[in-house]
Amino acid sequence: MKIGIIVYSQTGNSNYVAGIIQEELAKRGHQVDVERVEIEGKIPVEPEKFSITVAPDISPYDFIVFGSSVQAFSLNPAMVAYLEKLPSLNGKKTACFVTKRLPGKWTGGMQALGKIKDICESKGAVVKAEEIFSWNNKKRDQMIQRLAENIASSLFSMELHFK
């Protein structure tokens, strides 16, 4: 299966997690590309003060993983702008993850995941997995690996359903 991991990573942390997901999916025999949404403008991102300079094309992918950081207890505005400009995702299977600094799902993780999921579903996508990762965790590497395995497992169960 051809899988695209589309990520906005302001500091590099979300991109790092995307790389671990890519490795896990590739180990399972999939062709996986990581593509970054890039912007020009004010950092930290403020709505109306940036423009997207690289907007990855999702059309070549059978399955798409969207990833981004949490900013100000919500989804980073760069990822919101990218997702809102996407064409129809009708029938596309997706997964999503967010990364954040503060512990606890209530510190923006749930709101950010909800925003990705709402936008994807409003465009016709089926969200198969949702994950939150906090950098404020002593077992960071194990937690990132678990996140990657959960996303890969959601894809595996989807493949069994279609066989």
Protein backbone atom coordinates (compact mmCIF):
# COMPACT_ATOMS: atom_id res chain seq x y z
CA MET A 1 0.00 0.00 0.00
CA LYS A 2 1.22 3.52 -0.75
CA ILE A 3 1.07 5.64 2.38
CA GLY A 4 1.67 9.36 2.79
CA ILE A 5 2.55 10.92 6.11
CA ILE A 6 1.77 14.62 5.83
CA VAL A 7 3.21 16.61 8.71
CA TYR A 8 3.57 20.18 9.85
CA SER A 9 6.50 20.39 12.23
CA GLN A 10 7.46 23.76 13.62
CA THR A 11 10.33 22.53 15.83
CA GLY A 12 11.10 19.16 14.25
CA ASN A 13 9.41 17.06 16.95
CA SER A 14 6.34 16.12 14.89
CA ASN A 15 8.62 15.32 11.96
CA TYR A 16 10.66 13.01 14.21
CA VAL A 17 7.50 11.12 15.20
CA ALA A 18 6.51 10.93 11.52
CA GLY A 19 9.88 9.27 10.80
CA ILE A 20 9.24 6.58 13.43
CA ILE A 21 5.79 5.94 11.96
CA GLN A 22 7.38 5.72 8.51
CA GLU A 23 9.88 3.11 9.75
CA GLU A 24 7.14 1.02 11.39
CA LEU A 25 4.95 1.04 8.28
CA ALA A 26 7.89 0.30 5.97
CA LYS A 27 8.83 -2.70 8.18
CA ARG A 28 5.37 -4.03 7.42
CA GLY A 29 5.97 -3.85 3.67
CA HIS A 30 4.38 -0.54 2.73
CA GLN A 31 5.79 2.21 0.54
CA VAL A 32 5.79 5.27 2.80
CA ASP A 33 6.64 8.90 2.08
CA VAL A 34 6.90 11.67 4.64
CA GLU A 35 5.99 15.06 3.21
CA ARG A 36 6.14 18.32 5.10
CA VAL A 37 3.73 21.22 4.97
CA GLU A 38 5.92 24.33 4.91
CA ILE A 39 5.05 27.94 5.55
CA GLU A 40 6.46 31.40 5.19
CA GLY A 41 5.57 33.92 7.83
CA LYS A 42 5.33 34.54 11.51
CA ILE A 43 6.52 31.82 13.90
CA PRO A 44 4.83 30.80 16.11
CA VAL A 45 2.17 30.56 13.50
CA GLU A 46 -0.58 33.14 13.77
CA PRO A 47 -3.62 32.98 11.49
CA GLU A 48 -3.47 35.47 8.62
CA LYS A 49 0.27 36.07 9.20
CA PHE A 50 1.64 33.18 7.18
CA SER A 51 1.26 31.51 3.81
CA ILE A 52 1.71 27.89 2.87
CA THR A 53 4.70 27.49 0.55
CA VAL A 54 4.66 23.67 0.29
CA ALA A 55 1.31 21.87 0.26
CA PRO A 56 1.82 18.12 -0.34
CA ASP A 57 -0.41 16.43 -2.89
CA ILE A 58 -2.42 13.60 -1.32
CA SER A 59 -3.69 12.04 -4.55
CA PRO A 60 -1.00 9.34 -4.90
CA TYR A 61 -1.74 7.80 -1.50
CA ASP A 62 -4.03 4.94 -0.52
CA PHE A 63 -3.76 5.83 3.17
CA ILE A 64 -2.78 9.18 4.70
CA VAL A 65 -1.45 10.00 8.14
CA PHE A 66 -1.75 13.66 9.15
CA GLY A 67 0.48 14.93 11.94
CA SER A 68 1.05 18.29 13.58
CA SER A 69 1.92 20.04 16.78
CA VAL A 70 -0.50 21.52 19.26
CA GLN A 71 -0.28 25.29 19.56
CA ALA A 72 -2.11 27.34 22.18
CA PHE A 73 -4.21 24.30 23.22
CA SER A 74 -5.44 23.69 19.66
CA LEU A 75 -4.25 22.40 16.31
CA ASN A 76 -1.43 24.44 14.80
CA PRO A 77 -2.96 27.00 12.38
CA ALA A 78 -0.59 25.91 9.58
CA MET A 79 -2.09 22.39 9.59
CA VAL A 80 -5.62 23.79 9.86
CA ALA A 81 -5.01 25.96 6.77
CA TYR A 82 -3.49 23.03 4.84
CA LEU A 83 -6.34 20.64 5.70
CA GLU A 84 -9.02 23.18 4.87
CA LYS A 85 -7.55 23.69 1.39
CA LEU A 86 -7.48 19.98 0.55
CA PRO A 87 -9.86 18.69 -2.10
CA SER A 88 -12.35 15.97 -1.27
CA LEU A 89 -11.04 13.07 0.79
CA ASN A 90 -14.07 10.99 -0.12
CA GLY A 91 -13.35 7.37 0.74
CA LYS A 92 -9.72 8.00 1.79
CA LYS A 93 -8.60 6.14 4.89
CA THR A 94 -6.63 8.34 7.27
CA ALA A 95 -4.99 8.44 10.68
CA CYS A 96 -3.80 11.43 12.65
CA PHE A 97 -1.46 12.33 15.46
CA VAL A 98 -0.51 15.43 17.37
CA THR A 99 2.55 16.21 19.45
CA LYS A 100 2.67 18.57 22.39
CA ARG A 101 4.87 19.65 25.24
CA LEU A 102 2.44 19.62 28.16
CA PRO A 103 1.30 16.36 29.79
CA GLY A 104 -2.33 15.33 29.87
CA LYS A 105 -4.71 14.93 26.92
CA TRP A 106 -6.78 17.91 28.11
CA THR A 107 -3.89 20.36 27.45
CA GLY A 108 -4.79 20.75 23.80
CA GLY A 109 -4.31 17.22 22.51
CA MET A 110 -7.97 16.26 22.41
CA GLN A 111 -8.95 19.59 20.82
CA ALA A 112 -6.23 19.30 18.17
CA LEU A 113 -7.14 15.70 17.29
CA GLY A 114 -10.79 16.67 17.17
CA LYS A 115 -10.00 19.45 14.71
CA ILE A 116 -8.03 17.16 12.35
CA LYS A 117 -10.73 14.51 12.54
CA ASP A 118 -13.57 17.01 11.98
CA ILE A 119 -11.91 18.52 8.91
CA CYS A 120 -11.02 15.12 7.42
CA GLU A 121 -14.50 13.69 8.02
CA SER A 122 -16.16 16.83 6.62
CA LYS A 123 -14.26 16.12 3.40
CA GLY A 124 -15.39 12.46 3.32
CA ALA A 125 -12.41 10.69 4.92
CA VAL A 126 -12.62 7.75 7.31
CA VAL A 127 -10.31 8.27 10.31
CA LYS A 128 -8.95 4.88 11.42
CA ALA A 129 -6.61 5.97 14.26
CA GLU A 130 -5.95 9.01 16.43
CA GLU A 131 -2.90 9.46 18.67
CA ILE A 132 -1.56 12.11 21.06
CA PHE A 133 2.09 12.29 22.07
CA SER A 134 3.45 14.45 24.89
CA TRP A 135 7.17 15.24 24.94
CA ASN A 136 6.95 15.61 28.71
CA ASN A 137 7.31 11.85 29.20
CA LYS A 138 10.24 9.92 30.66
CA LYS A 139 9.50 6.90 28.45
CA ARG A 140 9.52 9.03 25.31
CA ASP A 141 11.02 6.48 22.89
CA GLN A 142 8.71 3.67 24.01
CA MET A 143 5.68 5.94 23.76
CA ILE A 144 6.59 7.07 20.23
CA GLN A 145 7.04 3.43 19.19
CA ARG A 146 3.66 2.53 20.71
CA LEU A 147 2.04 5.40 18.79
CA ALA A 148 3.61 4.14 15.52
CA GLU A 149 2.50 0.57 16.22
CA ASN A 150 -1.07 1.71 16.96
CA ILE A 151 -1.28 3.55 13.64
CA ALA A 152 0.25 0.57 11.80
CA SER A 153 -2.18 -1.81 13.54
CA SER A 154 -5.16 0.27 12.45
CA LEU A 155 -3.96 -0.09 8.88
CA PHE A 156 -3.47 -3.86 9.33
CA SER A 157 -7.03 -4.32 10.59
CA MET A 158 -8.26 -2.29 7.63
CA GLU A 159 -6.35 -4.58 5.22
CA LEU A 160 -7.89 -7.70 6.79
CA HIS A 161 -11.34 -6.18 6.32
CA PHE A 162 -10.75 -5.72 2.58
CA LYS A 163 -9.31 -9.21 1.90
